[in-house]
Amino acid sequence: MYSFMGGGLFCAWVGTILLVVATATDHWMQYRLSGAFAHQGLWRYCLGSKCYLQTESIGEAPGQGLGCAWGQSLMQRRTLQWKGHLFCRWRALWLGEGKRPAQAYWNATRAFMILSSLCATSGIILGIVAFAQQPTFTRFSRPFSAGIVFFASTFFVLLALAIYTGVTVSFLGRRFGDWRFSWSYILGWVALLMTFFAGIFYMCAYRMNECRRLSTPR
């Protein structure tokens, strides 16, 4: 039983780390826009070496937008105008279906990824406590609880990836010719497998504990 729980705890640690990294990084998708390399995550998009929040305009600073370049050199203003052109193209292509639907799908993906990370963290806590499981513990045992929480984490990350994949493929397939999913997105799928196997291991530990408890003479 403890070997199953040890394997489940290892998968859970790996899965939780991957979930946090995938949620926080900006490489869910990469593409080319007007010859420039761009990539984006759930929180920011990056054009060249500059990154911006999903709700932020390129070149904006406090009190300064694309049209305010006072005190800047001619080269800096041209660079700002070029980035503004890329931004306008990005907005026209990415938000062509309307800003609200795009923002809703980003928010849904973020929410499910955060919920998955929280469930995986809770499962780790339950999994560690399960090592102190008493033989007389009843049916709703700690390994069983940990397994359920890991399956919930798997379900949430699956929802997040399904939403992101469906909207991205149906949307970008008609607008960008050169694009692909990137490593943050792939880490999300690996995390899904890790949390799923963590749940399997803890369910096996629960079943083994139940069989041992039922076979023990009273």
N, C-alpha and C. Protein backbone atom coordinates (compact mmCIF):
# COMPACT_ATOMS: atom_id res chain seq x y z
N MET A 1 0.82 -1.20 0.00
CA MET A 1 0.00 0.00 0.00
C MET A 1 0.86 1.26 0.00
N TYR A 2 1.91 1.27 0.83
CA TYR A 2 2.75 2.47 0.93
C TYR A 2 3.56 2.70 -0.33
N SER A 3 3.88 1.64 -1.06
CA SER A 3 4.59 1.83 -2.33
C SER A 3 3.71 2.53 -3.35
N PHE A 4 2.41 2.16 -3.37
CA PHE A 4 1.47 2.86 -4.26
C PHE A 4 1.34 4.33 -3.87
N MET A 5 1.24 4.60 -2.58
CA MET A 5 1.11 5.99 -2.13
C MET A 5 2.37 6.78 -2.42
N GLY A 6 3.54 6.13 -2.29
CA GLY A 6 4.79 6.82 -2.62
C GLY A 6 4.85 7.18 -4.09
N GLY A 7 4.44 6.24 -4.97
CA GLY A 7 4.40 6.54 -6.40
C GLY A 7 3.41 7.63 -6.73
N GLY A 8 2.24 7.59 -6.06
CA GLY A 8 1.23 8.62 -6.29
C GLY A 8 1.70 9.99 -5.83
N LEU A 9 2.42 10.02 -4.69
CA LEU A 9 2.93 11.29 -4.18
C LEU A 9 3.98 11.88 -5.11
N PHE A 10 4.83 11.02 -5.68
CA PHE A 10 5.84 11.50 -6.64
C PHE A 10 5.16 12.09 -7.88
N CYS A 11 4.18 11.37 -8.44
CA CYS A 11 3.46 11.89 -9.61
C CYS A 11 2.74 13.19 -9.28
N ALA A 12 2.21 13.27 -8.06
CA ALA A 12 1.48 14.48 -7.68
C ALA A 12 2.42 15.69 -7.58
N TRP A 13 3.60 15.48 -7.00
CA TRP A 13 4.57 16.58 -6.91
C TRP A 13 4.96 17.07 -8.30
N VAL A 14 5.28 16.13 -9.18
CA VAL A 14 5.67 16.50 -10.55
C VAL A 14 4.52 17.21 -11.26
N GLY A 15 3.31 16.66 -11.14
CA GLY A 15 2.16 17.25 -11.80
C GLY A 15 1.86 18.66 -11.30
N THR A 16 1.97 18.88 -9.99
CA THR A 16 1.68 20.20 -9.44
C THR A 16 2.70 21.23 -9.91
N ILE A 17 3.97 20.85 -9.92
CA ILE A 17 5.01 21.77 -10.41
C ILE A 17 4.76 22.13 -11.87
N LEU A 18 4.43 21.13 -12.68
CA LEU A 18 4.17 21.39 -14.10
C LEU A 18 2.93 22.26 -14.29
N LEU A 19 1.92 22.06 -13.46
CA LEU A 19 0.72 22.90 -13.56
C LEU A 19 1.04 24.37 -13.28
N VAL A 20 1.83 24.60 -12.24
CA VAL A 20 2.19 25.98 -11.88
C VAL A 20 3.02 26.62 -12.99
N VAL A 21 4.00 25.86 -13.51
CA VAL A 21 4.86 26.38 -14.57
C VAL A 21 4.05 26.67 -15.83
N ALA A 22 3.18 25.73 -16.21
CA ALA A 22 2.38 25.92 -17.42
C ALA A 22 1.45 27.12 -17.28
N THR A 23 0.86 27.30 -16.10
CA THR A 23 -0.07 28.41 -15.90
C THR A 23 0.65 29.76 -15.92
N ALA A 24 1.86 29.81 -15.41
CA ALA A 24 2.55 31.09 -15.24
C ALA A 24 3.35 31.53 -16.46
N THR A 25 3.74 30.62 -17.33
CA THR A 25 4.64 30.96 -18.43
C THR A 25 3.86 31.41 -19.68
N ASP A 26 4.61 32.00 -20.61
CA ASP A 26 4.00 32.67 -21.77
C ASP A 26 4.25 31.94 -23.10
N HIS A 27 4.31 30.63 -23.06
CA HIS A 27 4.62 29.89 -24.28
C HIS A 27 3.58 28.82 -24.57
N TRP A 28 2.32 29.19 -24.48
CA TRP A 28 1.26 28.26 -24.86
C TRP A 28 1.15 28.14 -26.37
N MET A 29 1.45 29.21 -27.06
CA MET A 29 1.34 29.21 -28.52
C MET A 29 2.36 30.19 -29.06
N GLN A 30 2.93 29.86 -30.24
CA GLN A 30 3.82 30.80 -30.90
C GLN A 30 3.46 30.89 -32.38
N TYR A 31 3.75 32.03 -32.98
CA TYR A 31 3.35 32.28 -34.36
C TYR A 31 4.19 33.42 -34.91
N ARG A 32 4.04 33.68 -36.20
CA ARG A 32 4.72 34.80 -36.84
C ARG A 32 3.69 35.83 -37.28
N LEU A 33 4.00 37.10 -37.02
CA LEU A 33 3.10 38.18 -37.35
C LEU A 33 3.90 39.27 -38.07
N SER A 34 3.61 39.46 -39.36
CA SER A 34 4.35 40.42 -40.20
C SER A 34 5.84 40.14 -40.16
N GLY A 35 6.22 38.88 -40.16
CA GLY A 35 7.61 38.48 -40.16
C GLY A 35 8.27 38.47 -38.80
N ALA A 36 7.56 38.90 -37.76
CA ALA A 36 8.12 38.94 -36.41
C ALA A 36 7.65 37.72 -35.62
N PHE A 37 8.54 37.21 -34.79
CA PHE A 37 8.20 36.07 -33.95
C PHE A 37 7.40 36.53 -32.74
N ALA A 38 6.32 35.85 -32.44
CA ALA A 38 5.46 36.20 -31.30
C ALA A 38 5.03 34.93 -30.58
N HIS A 39 4.78 35.07 -29.30
CA HIS A 39 4.25 33.94 -28.51
C HIS A 39 3.38 34.50 -27.41
N GLN A 40 2.52 33.65 -26.85
CA GLN A 40 1.61 34.11 -25.81
C GLN A 40 1.28 33.00 -24.84
N GLY A 41 0.89 33.42 -23.64
CA GLY A 41 0.43 32.51 -22.61
C GLY A 41 -0.97 32.90 -22.18
N LEU A 42 -1.32 32.54 -20.95
CA LEU A 42 -2.65 32.84 -20.44
C LEU A 42 -2.76 34.26 -19.90
N TRP A 43 -1.62 34.89 -19.62
CA TRP A 43 -1.64 36.20 -18.99
C TRP A 43 -1.03 37.29 -19.87
N ARG A 44 -0.03 36.92 -20.69
CA ARG A 44 0.67 37.92 -21.49
C ARG A 44 0.88 37.41 -22.90
N TYR A 45 1.14 38.34 -23.83
CA TYR A 45 1.60 38.00 -25.17
C TYR A 45 2.89 38.77 -25.42
N CYS A 46 3.76 38.22 -26.22
CA CYS A 46 5.08 38.80 -26.45
C CYS A 46 5.32 38.95 -27.95
N LEU A 47 5.75 40.14 -28.35
CA LEU A 47 6.15 40.44 -29.72
C LEU A 47 7.61 40.82 -29.69
N GLY A 48 8.46 40.00 -30.32
CA GLY A 48 9.89 40.23 -30.23
C GLY A 48 10.36 39.94 -28.82
N SER A 49 11.03 40.91 -28.20
CA SER A 49 11.56 40.74 -26.85
C SER A 49 10.70 41.44 -25.80
N LYS A 50 9.59 42.04 -26.21
CA LYS A 50 8.72 42.76 -25.29
C LYS A 50 7.44 41.96 -25.02
N CYS A 51 7.04 41.95 -23.75
CA CYS A 51 5.82 41.24 -23.37
C CYS A 51 4.83 42.22 -22.77
N TYR A 52 3.54 41.95 -23.01
CA TYR A 52 2.46 42.83 -22.57
C TYR A 52 1.33 41.99 -22.01
N LEU A 53 0.60 42.58 -21.06
CA LEU A 53 -0.58 41.91 -20.55
C LEU A 53 -1.62 41.76 -21.65
N GLN A 54 -2.49 40.78 -21.50
CA GLN A 54 -3.49 40.54 -22.53
C GLN A 54 -4.41 41.74 -22.73
N THR A 55 -4.57 42.58 -21.71
CA THR A 55 -5.45 43.74 -21.81
C THR A 55 -4.67 45.03 -22.03
N GLU A 56 -3.35 44.94 -22.29
CA GLU A 56 -2.51 46.13 -22.38
C GLU A 56 -2.13 46.40 -23.83
N SER A 57 -2.06 47.66 -24.20
CA SER A 57 -1.67 48.05 -25.54
C SER A 57 -0.16 48.20 -25.62
N ILE A 58 0.39 47.84 -26.76
CA ILE A 58 1.83 47.92 -26.95
C ILE A 58 2.27 49.38 -26.93
N GLY A 59 3.35 49.62 -26.22
CA GLY A 59 3.92 50.95 -26.18
C GLY A 59 3.31 51.86 -25.15
N GLU A 60 2.30 51.39 -24.41
CA GLU A 60 1.67 52.24 -23.42
C GLU A 60 2.48 52.24 -22.15
N ALA A 61 2.62 53.41 -21.59
CA ALA A 61 3.18 53.58 -20.27
C ALA A 61 2.27 54.56 -19.56
N PRO A 62 2.47 54.77 -18.26
CA PRO A 62 1.62 55.71 -17.56
C PRO A 62 1.65 57.09 -18.22
N GLY A 63 0.53 57.53 -18.82
CA GLY A 63 0.46 58.82 -19.47
C GLY A 63 1.05 58.84 -20.85
N GLN A 64 1.37 57.66 -21.43
CA GLN A 64 2.01 57.65 -22.74
C GLN A 64 1.48 56.48 -23.55
N GLY A 65 0.98 56.76 -24.73
CA GLY A 65 0.47 55.72 -25.60
C GLY A 65 1.25 55.71 -26.88
N LEU A 66 0.68 55.07 -27.92
CA LEU A 66 1.39 54.94 -29.19
C LEU A 66 1.59 56.30 -29.85
N GLY A 67 0.70 57.22 -29.60
CA GLY A 67 0.83 58.51 -30.26
C GLY A 67 1.64 59.52 -29.48
N CYS A 68 2.14 59.18 -28.28
CA CYS A 68 2.87 60.11 -27.44
C CYS A 68 4.32 59.68 -27.38
N ALA A 69 5.17 60.27 -28.16
CA ALA A 69 6.57 59.89 -28.20
C ALA A 69 7.46 61.10 -27.98
N TRP A 70 7.02 62.04 -27.15
CA TRP A 70 7.80 63.24 -26.89
C TRP A 70 9.11 62.88 -26.21
N GLY A 71 10.17 63.52 -26.62
CA GLY A 71 11.46 63.29 -26.00
C GLY A 71 12.15 62.04 -26.48
N GLN A 72 11.59 61.33 -27.46
CA GLN A 72 12.19 60.12 -27.96
C GLN A 72 12.88 60.42 -29.29
N SER A 73 13.89 59.61 -29.58
CA SER A 73 14.61 59.78 -30.83
C SER A 73 13.76 59.29 -31.99
N LEU A 74 14.18 59.64 -33.21
CA LEU A 74 13.44 59.22 -34.40
C LEU A 74 13.41 57.70 -34.50
N MET A 75 14.53 57.03 -34.17
CA MET A 75 14.57 55.56 -34.23
C MET A 75 13.61 54.95 -33.22
N GLN A 76 13.56 55.52 -32.02
CA GLN A 76 12.65 54.99 -31.01
C GLN A 76 11.19 55.16 -31.43
N ARG A 77 10.88 56.32 -32.06
CA ARG A 77 9.51 56.54 -32.51
C ARG A 77 9.13 55.59 -33.64
N ARG A 78 10.08 55.35 -34.55
CA ARG A 78 9.80 54.40 -35.63
C ARG A 78 9.59 52.99 -35.09
N THR A 79 10.42 52.62 -34.11
CA THR A 79 10.26 51.29 -33.48
C THR A 79 8.90 51.18 -32.82
N LEU A 80 8.49 52.26 -32.15
CA LEU A 80 7.19 52.25 -31.48
C LEU A 80 6.05 52.15 -32.50
N GLN A 81 6.20 52.86 -33.63
CA GLN A 81 5.17 52.79 -34.66
C GLN A 81 5.10 51.40 -35.27
N TRP A 82 6.27 50.75 -35.46
CA TRP A 82 6.28 49.39 -36.01
C TRP A 82 5.60 48.42 -35.06
N LYS A 83 5.89 48.56 -33.78
CA LYS A 83 5.23 47.70 -32.80
C LYS A 83 3.74 47.99 -32.74
N GLY A 84 3.39 49.28 -32.91
CA GLY A 84 1.97 49.62 -32.95
C GLY A 84 1.28 48.99 -34.13
N HIS A 85 1.96 48.92 -35.27
CA HIS A 85 1.39 48.26 -36.45
C HIS A 85 1.18 46.78 -36.18
N LEU A 86 2.18 46.13 -35.56
CA LEU A 86 2.03 44.72 -35.22
C LEU A 86 0.89 44.52 -34.24
N PHE A 87 0.80 45.42 -33.28
CA PHE A 87 -0.27 45.30 -32.29
C PHE A 87 -1.64 45.42 -32.95
N CYS A 88 -1.78 46.39 -33.87
CA CYS A 88 -3.06 46.55 -34.56
C CYS A 88 -3.42 45.31 -35.37
N ARG A 89 -2.44 44.71 -36.02
CA ARG A 89 -2.70 43.47 -36.76
C ARG A 89 -3.06 42.34 -35.81
N TRP A 90 -2.33 42.25 -34.69
CA TRP A 90 -2.62 41.20 -33.72
C TRP A 90 -4.03 41.34 -33.18
N ARG A 91 -4.41 42.56 -32.82
CA ARG A 91 -5.76 42.80 -32.31
C ARG A 91 -6.81 42.48 -33.36
N ALA A 92 -6.56 42.88 -34.59
CA ALA A 92 -7.55 42.64 -35.65
C ALA A 92 -7.74 41.16 -35.90
N LEU A 93 -6.65 40.39 -35.83
CA LEU A 93 -6.74 38.96 -36.09
C LEU A 93 -7.24 38.19 -34.87
N TRP A 94 -6.64 38.51 -33.71
CA TRP A 94 -6.93 37.71 -32.52
C TRP A 94 -8.30 38.02 -31.93
N LEU A 95 -8.70 39.29 -32.02
CA LEU A 95 -9.97 39.69 -31.44
C LEU A 95 -11.02 39.96 -32.50
N GLY A 96 -10.82 39.41 -33.68
CA GLY A 96 -11.76 39.64 -34.77
C GLY A 96 -13.15 39.14 -34.47
N GLU A 97 -13.23 38.12 -33.60
CA GLU A 97 -14.53 37.57 -33.25
C GLU A 97 -15.22 38.38 -32.15
N GLY A 98 -14.51 39.41 -31.63
CA GLY A 98 -15.07 40.19 -30.53
C GLY A 98 -14.23 40.02 -29.29
N LYS A 99 -14.06 41.11 -28.54
CA LYS A 99 -13.18 41.08 -27.39
C LYS A 99 -13.74 40.23 -26.26
N ARG A 100 -15.04 40.32 -26.04
CA ARG A 100 -15.62 39.62 -24.91
C ARG A 100 -15.50 38.10 -25.01
N PRO A 101 -15.82 37.47 -26.16
CA PRO A 101 -15.64 36.02 -26.25
C PRO A 101 -14.20 35.59 -26.02
N ALA A 102 -13.23 36.35 -26.59
CA ALA A 102 -11.82 36.00 -26.40
C ALA A 102 -11.44 36.11 -24.94
N GLN A 103 -11.87 37.20 -24.28
CA GLN A 103 -11.55 37.38 -22.88
C GLN A 103 -12.21 36.31 -22.03
N ALA A 104 -13.42 35.90 -22.39
CA ALA A 104 -14.12 34.86 -21.63
C ALA A 104 -13.38 33.53 -21.72
N TYR A 105 -12.87 33.20 -22.90
CA TYR A 105 -12.18 31.92 -23.03
C TYR A 105 -10.84 31.94 -22.32
N TRP A 106 -10.15 33.09 -22.33
CA TRP A 106 -8.92 33.20 -21.53
C TRP A 106 -9.23 33.04 -20.05
N ASN A 107 -10.26 33.73 -19.58
CA ASN A 107 -10.62 33.66 -18.16
C ASN A 107 -11.00 32.24 -17.75
N ALA A 108 -11.72 31.54 -18.61
CA ALA A 108 -12.10 30.16 -18.30
C ALA A 108 -10.88 29.26 -18.21
N THR A 109 -9.96 29.41 -19.16
CA THR A 109 -8.75 28.59 -19.14
C THR A 109 -7.92 28.87 -17.89
N ARG A 110 -7.76 30.15 -17.56
CA ARG A 110 -7.01 30.51 -16.35
C ARG A 110 -7.66 29.92 -15.10
N ALA A 111 -8.99 30.09 -15.00
CA ALA A 111 -9.70 29.63 -13.81
C ALA A 111 -9.55 28.12 -13.62
N PHE A 112 -9.71 27.35 -14.68
CA PHE A 112 -9.61 25.90 -14.56
C PHE A 112 -8.18 25.46 -14.25
N MET A 113 -7.18 26.16 -14.80
CA MET A 113 -5.79 25.82 -14.47
C MET A 113 -5.49 26.11 -13.01
N ILE A 114 -5.99 27.23 -12.50
CA ILE A 114 -5.77 27.56 -11.08
C ILE A 114 -6.49 26.56 -10.18
N LEU A 115 -7.73 26.21 -10.53
CA LEU A 115 -8.46 25.20 -9.75
C LEU A 115 -7.74 23.87 -9.75
N SER A 116 -7.20 23.48 -10.90
CA SER A 116 -6.45 22.23 -10.98
C SER A 116 -5.22 22.26 -10.08
N SER A 117 -4.51 23.39 -10.07
CA SER A 117 -3.32 23.51 -9.22
C SER A 117 -3.70 23.43 -7.74
N LEU A 118 -4.80 24.08 -7.37
CA LEU A 118 -5.25 24.04 -5.98
C LEU A 118 -5.66 22.63 -5.56
N CYS A 119 -6.36 21.93 -6.45
CA CYS A 119 -6.76 20.54 -6.14
C CYS A 119 -5.54 19.64 -6.00
N ALA A 120 -4.56 19.82 -6.88
CA ALA A 120 -3.35 19.00 -6.81
C ALA A 120 -2.59 19.26 -5.51
N THR A 121 -2.53 20.54 -5.10
CA THR A 121 -1.86 20.87 -3.83
C THR A 121 -2.60 20.26 -2.65
N SER A 122 -3.94 20.34 -2.66
CA SER A 122 -4.73 19.72 -1.59
C SER A 122 -4.54 18.21 -1.57
N GLY A 123 -4.44 17.61 -2.77
CA GLY A 123 -4.21 16.17 -2.85
C GLY A 123 -2.87 15.77 -2.26
N ILE A 124 -1.85 16.60 -2.46
CA ILE A 124 -0.54 16.30 -1.89
C ILE A 124 -0.61 16.31 -0.36
N ILE A 125 -1.32 17.31 0.18
CA ILE A 125 -1.47 17.37 1.64
C ILE A 125 -2.19 16.13 2.16
N LEU A 126 -3.29 15.76 1.51
CA LEU A 126 -4.00 14.54 1.91
C LEU A 126 -3.14 13.30 1.74
N GLY A 127 -2.34 13.29 0.65
CA GLY A 127 -1.47 12.14 0.40
C GLY A 127 -0.41 11.97 1.45
N ILE A 128 0.14 13.10 1.94
CA ILE A 128 1.15 13.01 3.00
C ILE A 128 0.51 12.55 4.30
N VAL A 129 -0.68 13.10 4.59
CA VAL A 129 -1.38 12.69 5.81
C VAL A 129 -1.78 11.22 5.75
N ALA A 130 -2.00 10.69 4.52
CA ALA A 130 -2.42 9.29 4.37
C ALA A 130 -1.37 8.31 4.86
N PHE A 131 -0.11 8.74 4.95
CA PHE A 131 0.91 7.85 5.48
C PHE A 131 0.70 7.57 6.96
N ALA A 132 -0.07 8.42 7.62
CA ALA A 132 -0.40 8.19 9.02
C ALA A 132 -1.74 7.49 9.18
N GLN A 133 -2.21 6.85 8.11
CA GLN A 133 -3.51 6.18 8.11
C GLN A 133 -3.56 5.09 9.17
N GLN A 134 -4.62 5.10 9.96
CA GLN A 134 -4.82 4.07 10.96
C GLN A 134 -5.59 2.89 10.35
N PRO A 135 -5.26 1.68 10.72
CA PRO A 135 -5.95 0.53 10.13
C PRO A 135 -7.45 0.51 10.40
N THR A 136 -7.88 1.14 11.49
CA THR A 136 -9.30 1.12 11.83
C THR A 136 -10.08 2.21 11.13
N PHE A 137 -9.42 2.98 10.26
CA PHE A 137 -10.12 4.09 9.60
C PHE A 137 -11.21 3.55 8.70
N THR A 138 -12.31 4.27 8.61
CA THR A 138 -13.48 3.79 7.89
C THR A 138 -13.35 3.94 6.40
N ARG A 139 -14.47 3.73 5.76
CA ARG A 139 -14.51 3.60 4.31
C ARG A 139 -13.96 4.82 3.57
N PHE A 140 -14.35 6.03 4.03
CA PHE A 140 -13.91 7.24 3.35
C PHE A 140 -12.52 7.59 3.87
N SER A 141 -11.52 6.82 3.46
CA SER A 141 -10.19 6.94 4.01
C SER A 141 -9.41 8.05 3.33
N ARG A 142 -8.24 8.33 3.90
CA ARG A 142 -7.40 9.39 3.37
C ARG A 142 -6.84 9.07 1.99
N PRO A 143 -6.38 7.84 1.71
CA PRO A 143 -5.97 7.54 0.33
C PRO A 143 -7.10 7.71 -0.68
N PHE A 144 -8.31 7.32 -0.28
CA PHE A 144 -9.46 7.50 -1.18
C PHE A 144 -9.73 8.99 -1.43
N SER A 145 -9.67 9.78 -0.37
CA SER A 145 -9.89 11.23 -0.51
C SER A 145 -8.84 11.85 -1.40
N ALA A 146 -7.58 11.45 -1.21
CA ALA A 146 -6.49 11.99 -2.04
C ALA A 146 -6.70 11.62 -3.50
N GLY A 147 -7.11 10.38 -3.75
CA GLY A 147 -7.35 9.94 -5.13
C GLY A 147 -8.46 10.75 -5.80
N ILE A 148 -9.54 11.01 -5.06
CA ILE A 148 -10.66 11.80 -5.61
C ILE A 148 -10.20 13.21 -5.95
N VAL A 149 -9.40 13.81 -5.06
CA VAL A 149 -8.93 15.18 -5.30
C VAL A 149 -8.00 15.23 -6.51
N PHE A 150 -7.15 14.21 -6.68
CA PHE A 150 -6.28 14.18 -7.86
C PHE A 150 -7.08 14.01 -9.15
N PHE A 151 -8.13 13.21 -9.10
CA PHE A 151 -8.99 13.08 -10.28
C PHE A 151 -9.72 14.40 -10.58
N ALA A 152 -10.09 15.13 -9.54
CA ALA A 152 -10.70 16.45 -9.75
C ALA A 152 -9.70 17.40 -10.41
N SER A 153 -8.44 17.34 -9.98
CA SER A 153 -7.40 18.15 -10.60
C SER A 153 -7.23 17.78 -12.08
N THR A 154 -7.26 16.49 -12.37
CA THR A 154 -7.16 16.04 -13.76
C THR A 154 -8.33 16.55 -14.59
N PHE A 155 -9.52 16.50 -14.01
CA PHE A 155 -10.71 16.97 -14.73
C PHE A 155 -10.62 18.47 -15.04
N PHE A 156 -10.15 19.27 -14.08
CA PHE A 156 -10.06 20.71 -14.30
C PHE A 156 -9.01 21.07 -15.35
N VAL A 157 -7.87 20.41 -15.30
CA VAL A 157 -6.84 20.72 -16.31
C VAL A 157 -7.29 20.23 -17.69
N LEU A 158 -8.04 19.13 -17.74
CA LEU A 158 -8.58 18.68 -19.01
C LEU A 158 -9.56 19.69 -19.59
N LEU A 159 -10.41 20.26 -18.75
CA LEU A 159 -11.33 21.31 -19.21
C LEU A 159 -10.56 22.52 -19.75
N ALA A 160 -9.53 22.93 -19.02
CA ALA A 160 -8.74 24.09 -19.45
C ALA A 160 -8.08 23.85 -20.80
N LEU A 161 -7.46 22.69 -20.95
CA LEU A 161 -6.78 22.38 -22.21
C LEU A 161 -7.76 22.19 -23.35
N ALA A 162 -8.92 21.60 -23.05
CA ALA A 162 -9.93 21.41 -24.10
C ALA A 162 -10.46 22.76 -24.60
N ILE A 163 -10.73 23.68 -23.68
CA ILE A 163 -11.21 25.00 -24.08
C ILE A 163 -10.15 25.72 -24.90
N TYR A 164 -8.92 25.71 -24.41
CA TYR A 164 -7.84 26.41 -25.12
C TYR A 164 -7.59 25.80 -26.49
N THR A 165 -7.56 24.47 -26.55
CA THR A 165 -7.31 23.81 -27.83
C THR A 165 -8.42 24.08 -28.83
N GLY A 166 -9.67 23.92 -28.39
CA GLY A 166 -10.80 24.10 -29.31
C GLY A 166 -10.87 25.49 -29.87
N VAL A 167 -10.78 26.50 -29.00
CA VAL A 167 -10.88 27.87 -29.48
C VAL A 167 -9.67 28.27 -30.31
N THR A 168 -8.48 27.84 -29.88
CA THR A 168 -7.27 28.22 -30.62
C THR A 168 -7.24 27.59 -32.00
N VAL A 169 -7.56 26.31 -32.11
CA VAL A 169 -7.51 25.64 -33.40
C VAL A 169 -8.57 26.21 -34.34
N SER A 170 -9.78 26.37 -33.85
CA SER A 170 -10.84 26.87 -34.72
C SER A 170 -10.64 28.34 -35.09
N PHE A 171 -9.98 29.08 -34.21
CA PHE A 171 -9.78 30.50 -34.47
C PHE A 171 -8.51 30.76 -35.29
N LEU A 172 -7.38 30.22 -34.82
CA LEU A 172 -6.11 30.51 -35.49
C LEU A 172 -5.96 29.77 -36.80
N GLY A 173 -6.61 28.63 -36.95
CA GLY A 173 -6.50 27.90 -38.20
C GLY A 173 -6.97 28.68 -39.40
N ARG A 174 -7.84 29.66 -39.16
CA ARG A 174 -8.36 30.49 -40.25
C ARG A 174 -7.66 31.84 -40.37
N ARG A 175 -6.72 32.14 -39.46
CA ARG A 175 -6.14 33.48 -39.45
C ARG A 175 -4.62 33.51 -39.54
N PHE A 176 -3.94 32.53 -39.00
CA PHE A 176 -2.49 32.49 -39.08
C PHE A 176 -2.06 31.26 -39.86
N GLY A 177 -1.10 31.45 -40.76
CA GLY A 177 -0.62 30.32 -41.54
C GLY A 177 0.52 29.59 -40.86
N ASP A 178 1.29 30.30 -40.04
CA ASP A 178 2.47 29.73 -39.42
C ASP A 178 2.34 29.86 -37.90
N TRP A 179 1.75 28.86 -37.27
CA TRP A 179 1.60 28.87 -35.82
C TRP A 179 1.65 27.44 -35.30
N ARG A 180 1.92 27.32 -34.01
CA ARG A 180 1.93 26.00 -33.37
C ARG A 180 1.83 26.17 -31.86
N PHE A 181 1.40 25.11 -31.20
CA PHE A 181 1.41 25.10 -29.74
C PHE A 181 2.85 25.00 -29.26
N SER A 182 3.10 25.57 -28.08
CA SER A 182 4.46 25.61 -27.57
C SER A 182 4.58 24.83 -26.26
N TRP A 183 5.73 24.97 -25.60
CA TRP A 183 6.07 24.04 -24.51
C TRP A 183 5.23 24.22 -23.25
N SER A 184 4.71 25.41 -22.98
CA SER A 184 3.84 25.58 -21.81
C SER A 184 2.55 24.76 -21.96
N TYR A 185 2.03 24.74 -23.17
CA TYR A 185 0.83 23.96 -23.48
C TYR A 185 1.12 22.46 -23.32
N ILE A 186 2.30 22.03 -23.78
CA ILE A 186 2.67 20.62 -23.67
C ILE A 186 2.84 20.23 -22.21
N LEU A 187 3.41 21.12 -21.39
CA LEU A 187 3.54 20.84 -19.96
C LEU A 187 2.18 20.63 -19.31
N GLY A 188 1.16 21.34 -19.79
CA GLY A 188 -0.18 21.13 -19.26
C GLY A 188 -0.68 19.71 -19.48
N TRP A 189 -0.42 19.15 -20.66
CA TRP A 189 -0.83 17.77 -20.93
C TRP A 189 -0.02 16.77 -20.11
N VAL A 190 1.27 17.03 -19.92
CA VAL A 190 2.08 16.15 -19.07
C VAL A 190 1.58 16.20 -17.63
N ALA A 191 1.22 17.40 -17.15
CA ALA A 191 0.68 17.54 -15.81
C ALA A 191 -0.64 16.77 -15.67
N LEU A 192 -1.46 16.78 -16.72
CA LEU A 192 -2.70 16.01 -16.70
C LEU A 192 -2.42 14.52 -16.48
N LEU A 193 -1.45 13.99 -17.19
CA LEU A 193 -1.10 12.58 -17.02
C LEU A 193 -0.58 12.29 -15.61
N MET A 194 0.24 13.21 -15.09
CA MET A 194 0.82 13.00 -13.76
C MET A 194 -0.26 12.99 -12.67
N THR A 195 -1.20 13.93 -12.73
CA THR A 195 -2.26 13.96 -11.72
C THR A 195 -3.21 12.76 -11.87
N PHE A 196 -3.42 12.32 -13.12
CA PHE A 196 -4.26 11.15 -13.33
C PHE A 196 -3.61 9.90 -12.73
N PHE A 197 -2.32 9.71 -12.97
CA PHE A 197 -1.63 8.54 -12.41
C PHE A 197 -1.53 8.64 -10.89
N ALA A 198 -1.41 9.86 -10.36
CA ALA A 198 -1.42 10.01 -8.91
C ALA A 198 -2.74 9.52 -8.33
N GLY A 199 -3.85 9.88 -8.98
CA GLY A 199 -5.15 9.39 -8.54
C GLY A 199 -5.27 7.88 -8.64
N ILE A 200 -4.74 7.30 -9.72
CA ILE A 200 -4.77 5.84 -9.88
C ILE A 200 -3.99 5.15 -8.77
N PHE A 201 -2.79 5.67 -8.48
CA PHE A 201 -1.95 5.06 -7.44
C PHE A 201 -2.64 5.10 -6.07
N TYR A 202 -3.26 6.22 -5.77
CA TYR A 202 -3.91 6.32 -4.45
C TYR A 202 -5.18 5.48 -4.38
N MET A 203 -5.87 5.31 -5.49
CA MET A 203 -7.02 4.42 -5.49
C MET A 203 -6.58 2.96 -5.32
N CYS A 204 -5.46 2.60 -5.94
CA CYS A 204 -4.91 1.25 -5.74
C CYS A 204 -4.52 1.03 -4.28
N ALA A 205 -3.91 2.07 -3.67
CA ALA A 205 -3.55 1.97 -2.26
C ALA A 205 -4.80 1.81 -1.39
N TYR A 206 -5.85 2.53 -1.75
CA TYR A 206 -7.11 2.42 -1.00
C TYR A 206 -7.70 1.01 -1.11
N ARG A 207 -7.72 0.46 -2.33
CA ARG A 207 -8.27 -0.88 -2.53
C ARG A 207 -7.44 -1.93 -1.80
N MET A 208 -6.13 -1.77 -1.84
CA MET A 208 -5.27 -2.73 -1.13
C MET A 208 -5.50 -2.67 0.37
N ASN A 209 -5.67 -1.45 0.89
CA ASN A 209 -5.94 -1.29 2.32
C ASN A 209 -7.29 -1.89 2.69
N GLU A 210 -8.29 -1.73 1.82
CA GLU A 210 -9.61 -2.29 2.08
C GLU A 210 -9.57 -3.82 2.08
N CYS A 211 -8.86 -4.40 1.10
CA CYS A 211 -8.77 -5.86 1.04
C CYS A 211 -8.05 -6.41 2.27
N ARG A 212 -7.01 -5.70 2.69
CA ARG A 212 -6.27 -6.15 3.88
C ARG A 212 -7.12 -6.04 5.13
N ARG A 213 -7.92 -4.96 5.22
CA ARG A 213 -8.76 -4.76 6.39
C ARG A 213 -9.88 -5.81 6.46
N LEU A 214 -10.47 -6.15 5.27
CA LEU A 214 -11.55 -7.13 5.25
C LEU A 214 -11.05 -8.55 5.52
N SER A 215 -9.81 -8.80 5.10
CA SER A 215 -9.28 -10.16 5.29
C SER A 215 -8.71 -10.38 6.69
N THR A 216 -8.53 -9.30 7.44
CA THR A 216 -8.00 -9.44 8.79
C THR A 216 -9.10 -9.96 9.72
N PRO A 217 -8.86 -11.07 10.44
CA PRO A 217 -9.89 -11.61 11.35
C PRO A 217 -10.12 -10.67 12.52
N ARG A 218 -11.37 -10.52 12.87
CA ARG A 218 -11.72 -9.62 13.97
C ARG A 218 -11.72 -10.38 15.30
